[in-house]
């Protein structure tokens, strides 16, 4: 299109774009559709098994991706991670406390957009902690990382299949 004229008093949801010409506006309202801030996480991860007397077990959780499509001129977000206790389930469940679960976000495996991408610090999941964050962002951005989960096994751990829920959220 060479030019666009938006007549008086028109509301546009989106944008008007002329590739090789002018956009003429006269007392009009243009609103930008709101984008979303989202997070995608692996559905399940298997940390493997450990022999009796082993101090712990660890493995990669799988890729976690935050996508910020809000398009704001100044963007910030924080991804938080938390974990339930590991339990065996059943009538008399055995438990490994979430304080024994370590989380290391590592560096971003990929990023997009203009922002300061910062991994959280390594530590236990006894309480929620920052997994990754963005500050000084401009417009849309995204970050992907693949955290390492380490479970320290107590000396008196009972043999069994233990499960937990690791939750990521973003605000």
C-alpha atoms as a PDB file:
ATOM      1  CA  UNK A   1       0.000   0.000   0.000  1.00  0.00           C
ATOM      2  CA  UNK A   2       1.291   3.416  -0.877  1.00  0.00           C
ATOM      3  CA  UNK A   3      -0.752   5.467   1.601  1.00  0.00           C
ATOM      4  CA  UNK A   4      -3.555   5.145   4.146  1.00  0.00           C
ATOM      5  CA  UNK A   5      -6.053   7.732   5.325  1.00  0.00           C
ATOM      6  CA  UNK A   6      -8.025   7.063   8.490  1.00  0.00           C
ATOM      7  CA  UNK A   7     -11.122   9.251   8.522  1.00  0.00           C
ATOM      8  CA  UNK A   8     -12.111  11.398  11.500  1.00  0.00           C
ATOM      9  CA  UNK A   9     -13.153   9.690  14.732  1.00  0.00           C
ATOM     10  CA  UNK A  10     -12.177   6.120  13.766  1.00  0.00           C
ATOM     11  CA  UNK A  11     -10.908   3.616  16.362  1.00  0.00           C
ATOM     12  CA  UNK A  12      -8.294   1.143  15.153  1.00  0.00           C
ATOM     13  CA  UNK A  13      -7.493  -2.009  17.135  1.00  0.00           C
ATOM     14  CA  UNK A  14      -3.962  -2.771  15.956  1.00  0.00           C
ATOM     15  CA  UNK A  15      -1.956  -0.610  13.585  1.00  0.00           C
ATOM     16  CA  UNK A  16      -2.027   1.146  10.262  1.00  0.00           C
ATOM     17  CA  UNK A  17       0.940   0.563   8.005  1.00  0.00           C
ATOM     18  CA  UNK A  18       1.847   1.990   4.614  1.00  0.00           C
ATOM     19  CA  UNK A  19       4.971   0.399   3.183  1.00  0.00           C
ATOM     20  CA  UNK A  20       5.862   3.143   0.722  1.00  0.00           C
ATOM     21  CA  UNK A  21       3.767   6.135   1.727  1.00  0.00           C
ATOM     22  CA  UNK A  22       2.100   8.142   4.442  1.00  0.00           C
ATOM     23  CA  UNK A  23      -0.481   7.295   7.084  1.00  0.00           C
ATOM     24  CA  UNK A  24      -2.885  10.192   7.603  1.00  0.00           C
ATOM     25  CA  UNK A  25      -4.811  10.421  10.886  1.00  0.00           C
ATOM     26  CA  UNK A  26      -7.441  12.935  11.963  1.00  0.00           C
ATOM     27  CA  UNK A  27      -8.654  12.757  15.589  1.00  0.00           C
ATOM     28  CA  UNK A  28      -8.422   8.952  15.682  1.00  0.00           C
ATOM     29  CA  UNK A  29      -7.700   6.389  18.400  1.00  0.00           C
ATOM     30  CA  UNK A  30      -5.270   3.530  17.824  1.00  0.00           C
ATOM     31  CA  UNK A  31      -4.934   0.866  20.505  1.00  0.00           C
ATOM     32  CA  UNK A  32      -2.369  -1.879  20.629  1.00  0.00           C
ATOM     33  CA  UNK A  33      -3.774  -5.351  21.356  1.00  0.00           C
ATOM     34  CA  UNK A  34      -2.449  -6.659  24.642  1.00  0.00           C
ATOM     35  CA  UNK A  35       0.088  -9.460  24.318  1.00  0.00           C
ATOM     36  CA  UNK A  36       0.734 -12.067  26.973  1.00  0.00           C
ATOM     37  CA  UNK A  37       3.493 -13.120  29.327  1.00  0.00           C
ATOM     38  CA  UNK A  38       3.708 -16.928  29.341  1.00  0.00           C
ATOM     39  CA  UNK A  39       5.869 -19.793  30.535  1.00  0.00           C
ATOM     40  CA  UNK A  40       6.254 -23.305  29.146  1.00  0.00           C
ATOM     41  CA  UNK A  41       7.771 -26.149  31.141  1.00  0.00           C
ATOM     42  CA  UNK A  42       8.485 -29.848  30.634  1.00  0.00           C
ATOM     43  CA  UNK A  43       5.544 -32.105  31.444  1.00  0.00           C
ATOM     44  CA  UNK A  44       7.702 -34.636  33.259  1.00  0.00           C
ATOM     45  CA  UNK A  45      11.352 -35.392  34.007  1.00  0.00           C
ATOM     46  CA  UNK A  46      13.103 -38.529  35.249  1.00  0.00           C
ATOM     47  CA  UNK A  47      16.176 -37.918  37.390  1.00  0.00           C
ATOM     48  CA  UNK A  48      17.137 -41.575  37.182  1.00  0.00           C
ATOM     49  CA  UNK A  49      17.927 -43.902  40.051  1.00  0.00           C
ATOM     50  CA  UNK A  50      20.589 -44.222  42.716  1.00  0.00           C
ATOM     51  CA  UNK A  51      22.308 -47.182  44.327  1.00  0.00           C
ATOM     52  CA  UNK A  52      22.079 -47.708  48.091  1.00  0.00           C
ATOM     53  CA  UNK A  53      24.511 -45.445  49.913  1.00  0.00           C
ATOM     54  CA  UNK A  54      24.622 -42.864  47.094  1.00  0.00           C
ATOM     55  CA  UNK A  55      24.672 -39.275  48.327  1.00  0.00           C
ATOM     56  CA  UNK A  56      22.243 -37.979  45.709  1.00  0.00           C
ATOM     57  CA  UNK A  57      20.793 -38.022  42.241  1.00  0.00           C
ATOM     58  CA  UNK A  58      20.650 -35.232  39.680  1.00  0.00           C
ATOM     59  CA  UNK A  59      19.631 -34.513  36.138  1.00  0.00           C
ATOM     60  CA  UNK A  60      18.392 -31.889  33.737  1.00  0.00           C
ATOM     61  CA  UNK A  61      14.755 -30.930  34.172  1.00  0.00           C
ATOM     62  CA  UNK A  62      14.192 -29.980  30.536  1.00  0.00           C
ATOM     63  CA  UNK A  63      13.804 -26.638  28.818  1.00  0.00           C
ATOM     64  CA  UNK A  64      11.843 -23.873  30.531  1.00  0.00           C
ATOM     65  CA  UNK A  65      10.874 -20.929  28.306  1.00  0.00           C
ATOM     66  CA  UNK A  66       9.398 -17.555  29.202  1.00  0.00           C
ATOM     67  CA  UNK A  67       7.898 -15.587  26.313  1.00  0.00           C
ATOM     68  CA  UNK A  68       7.008 -11.943  26.821  1.00  0.00           C
ATOM     69  CA  UNK A  69       4.815 -10.805  23.924  1.00  0.00           C
ATOM     70  CA  UNK A  70       3.338  -7.809  25.734  1.00  0.00           C
ATOM     71  CA  UNK A  71       5.309  -5.442  23.494  1.00  0.00           C
ATOM     72  CA  UNK A  72       5.786  -2.904  26.257  1.00  0.00           C
ATOM     73  CA  UNK A  73       8.516  -0.301  25.710  1.00  0.00           C
ATOM     74  CA  UNK A  74       9.895  -1.172  29.177  1.00  0.00           C
ATOM     75  CA  UNK A  75       9.579  -4.812  30.225  1.00  0.00           C
ATOM     76  CA  UNK A  76      10.540  -6.752  33.318  1.00  0.00           C
ATOM     77  CA  UNK A  77       9.594 -10.236  34.480  1.00  0.00           C
ATOM     78  CA  UNK A  78      10.634 -12.776  37.100  1.00  0.00           C
ATOM     79  CA  UNK A  79      10.235 -16.544  36.808  1.00  0.00           C
ATOM     80  CA  UNK A  80       9.915 -18.294  40.164  1.00  0.00           C
ATOM     81  CA  UNK A  81      10.371 -21.985  40.974  1.00  0.00           C
ATOM     82  CA  UNK A  82       9.066 -24.034  43.896  1.00  0.00           C
ATOM     83  CA  UNK A  83       8.874 -27.729  44.746  1.00  0.00           C
ATOM     84  CA  UNK A  84       6.814 -30.099  46.863  1.00  0.00           C
ATOM     85  CA  UNK A  85       8.490 -32.740  48.998  1.00  0.00           C
ATOM     86  CA  UNK A  86       9.460 -35.940  47.164  1.00  0.00           C
ATOM     87  CA  UNK A  87       7.239 -38.776  48.394  1.00  0.00           C
ATOM     88  CA  UNK A  88       6.650 -42.436  47.614  1.00  0.00           C
ATOM     89  CA  UNK A  89       2.872 -42.223  47.950  1.00  0.00           C
ATOM     90  CA  UNK A  90       0.901 -45.207  49.233  1.00  0.00           C
ATOM     91  CA  UNK A  91      -0.481 -45.907  52.710  1.00  0.00           C
ATOM     92  CA  UNK A  92       2.759 -45.041  54.539  1.00  0.00           C
ATOM     93  CA  UNK A  93       4.628 -42.629  52.287  1.00  0.00           C
ATOM     94  CA  UNK A  94       8.312 -41.957  52.693  1.00  0.00           C
ATOM     95  CA  UNK A  95       9.435 -38.348  52.242  1.00  0.00           C
ATOM     96  CA  UNK A  96      12.504 -36.438  51.094  1.00  0.00           C
ATOM     97  CA  UNK A  97      12.026 -32.804  52.143  1.00  0.00           C
ATOM     98  CA  UNK A  98      12.093 -30.092  49.484  1.00  0.00           C
ATOM     99  CA  UNK A  99      15.015 -28.504  51.374  1.00  0.00           C
ATOM    100  CA  UNK A 100      17.030 -31.458  50.009  1.00  0.00           C
ATOM    101  CA  UNK A 101      16.209 -30.487  46.418  1.00  0.00           C
ATOM    102  CA  UNK A 102      18.706 -28.222  44.696  1.00  0.00           C
ATOM    103  CA  UNK A 103      17.943 -26.041  41.668  1.00  0.00           C
ATOM    104  CA  UNK A 104      20.578 -24.618  39.350  1.00  0.00           C
ATOM    105  CA  UNK A 105      19.169 -22.624  36.418  1.00  0.00           C
ATOM    106  CA  UNK A 106      22.468 -22.396  34.562  1.00  0.00           C
ATOM    107  CA  UNK A 107      22.891 -19.924  31.737  1.00  0.00           C
ATOM    108  CA  UNK A 108      20.236 -19.237  29.137  1.00  0.00           C
ATOM    109  CA  UNK A 109      20.356 -21.726  26.271  1.00  0.00           C
ATOM    110  CA  UNK A 110      18.682 -19.124  24.053  1.00  0.00           C
ATOM    111  CA  UNK A 111      17.367 -15.573  24.288  1.00  0.00           C
ATOM    112  CA  UNK A 112      15.545 -13.225  21.952  1.00  0.00           C
ATOM    113  CA  UNK A 113      14.880  -9.513  22.119  1.00  0.00           C
ATOM    114  CA  UNK A 114      16.639  -6.679  23.854  1.00  0.00           C
ATOM    115  CA  UNK A 115      16.854  -7.160  27.625  1.00  0.00           C
ATOM    116  CA  UNK A 116      19.156  -7.928  30.519  1.00  0.00           C
ATOM    117  CA  UNK A 117      18.680 -11.712  31.006  1.00  0.00           C
ATOM    118  CA  UNK A 118      19.736 -12.924  34.477  1.00  0.00           C
ATOM    119  CA  UNK A 119      19.694 -16.500  35.810  1.00  0.00           C
ATOM    120  CA  UNK A 120      18.702 -16.984  39.433  1.00  0.00           C
ATOM    121  CA  UNK A 121      21.210 -18.301  41.932  1.00  0.00           C
ATOM    122  CA  UNK A 122      21.722 -21.978  42.695  1.00  0.00           C
ATOM    123  CA  UNK A 123      20.099 -23.135  45.928  1.00  0.00           C
ATOM    124  CA  UNK A 124      17.575 -25.398  47.591  1.00  0.00           C
ATOM    125  CA  UNK A 125      13.832 -25.385  46.944  1.00  0.00           C
ATOM    126  CA  UNK A 126      12.818 -25.317  50.610  1.00  0.00           C
ATOM    127  CA  UNK A 127      11.104 -22.051  49.681  1.00  0.00           C
ATOM    128  CA  UNK A 128      10.281 -20.462  46.297  1.00  0.00           C
ATOM    129  CA  UNK A 129      13.237 -18.848  44.558  1.00  0.00           C
ATOM    130  CA  UNK A 130      13.977 -16.845  41.442  1.00  0.00           C
ATOM    131  CA  UNK A 131      14.762 -19.103  38.481  1.00  0.00           C
ATOM    132  CA  UNK A 132      15.375 -16.422  35.841  1.00  0.00           C
ATOM    133  CA  UNK A 133      14.561 -12.756  35.302  1.00  0.00           C
ATOM    134  CA  UNK A 134      14.581  -9.957  32.757  1.00  0.00           C
ATOM    135  CA  UNK A 135      15.165  -6.291  33.413  1.00  0.00           C
ATOM    136  CA  UNK A 136      15.663  -3.302  31.152  1.00  0.00           C
ATOM    137  CA  UNK A 137      13.761  -5.042  28.373  1.00  0.00           C
ATOM    138  CA  UNK A 138      12.458  -3.273  25.312  1.00  0.00           C
ATOM    139  CA  UNK A 139       9.490  -4.834  23.546  1.00  0.00           C
ATOM    140  CA  UNK A 140       9.001  -8.568  23.095  1.00  0.00           C
ATOM    141  CA  UNK A 141      11.608 -10.974  24.481  1.00  0.00           C
ATOM    142  CA  UNK A 142      12.103 -14.586  25.524  1.00  0.00           C
ATOM    143  CA  UNK A 143      14.554 -16.747  27.437  1.00  0.00           C
ATOM    144  CA  UNK A 144      15.057 -20.507  27.602  1.00  0.00           C
ATOM    145  CA  UNK A 145      17.109 -22.415  30.174  1.00  0.00           C
ATOM    146  CA  UNK A 146      17.529 -26.065  31.189  1.00  0.00           C
ATOM    147  CA  UNK A 147      17.916 -26.281  34.983  1.00  0.00           C
ATOM    148  CA  UNK A 148      19.699 -29.027  36.858  1.00  0.00           C
ATOM    149  CA  UNK A 149      17.775 -30.639  39.713  1.00  0.00           C
ATOM    150  CA  UNK A 150      19.820 -32.320  42.470  1.00  0.00           C
ATOM    151  CA  UNK A 151      18.201 -34.369  45.224  1.00  0.00           C
ATOM    152  CA  UNK A 152      20.419 -35.015  48.259  1.00  0.00           C
ATOM    153  CA  UNK A 153      19.419 -38.356  49.725  1.00  0.00           C
ATOM    154  CA  UNK A 154      19.202 -38.644  53.512  1.00  0.00           C
ATOM    155  CA  UNK A 155      21.320 -41.338  55.181  1.00  0.00           C
ATOM    156  CA  UNK A 156      18.169 -43.222  56.199  1.00  0.00           C
ATOM    157  CA  UNK A 157      16.396 -42.986  52.834  1.00  0.00           C
ATOM    158  CA  UNK A 158      14.004 -45.860  52.170  1.00  0.00           C
ATOM    159  CA  UNK A 159      14.158 -47.527  48.753  1.00  0.00           C
ATOM    160  CA  UNK A 160      11.226 -46.532  46.550  1.00  0.00           C
ATOM    161  CA  UNK A 161      10.012 -44.456  43.660  1.00  0.00           C
ATOM    162  CA  UNK A 162       9.773 -40.835  44.745  1.00  0.00           C
ATOM    163  CA  UNK A 163       7.847 -38.115  42.943  1.00  0.00           C
ATOM    164  CA  UNK A 164       7.444 -34.384  43.434  1.00  0.00           C
ATOM    165  CA  UNK A 165       5.937 -31.426  41.608  1.00  0.00           C
ATOM    166  CA  UNK A 166       8.281 -28.648  40.516  1.00  0.00           C
ATOM    167  CA  UNK A 167       6.328 -25.513  39.638  1.00  0.00           C
ATOM    168  CA  UNK A 168       7.512 -22.553  37.575  1.00  0.00           C
ATOM    169  CA  UNK A 169       5.516 -19.320  37.358  1.00  0.00           C
ATOM    170  CA  UNK A 170       6.189 -15.917  35.840  1.00  0.00           C
ATOM    171  CA  UNK A 171       5.075 -12.401  36.791  1.00  0.00           C
END
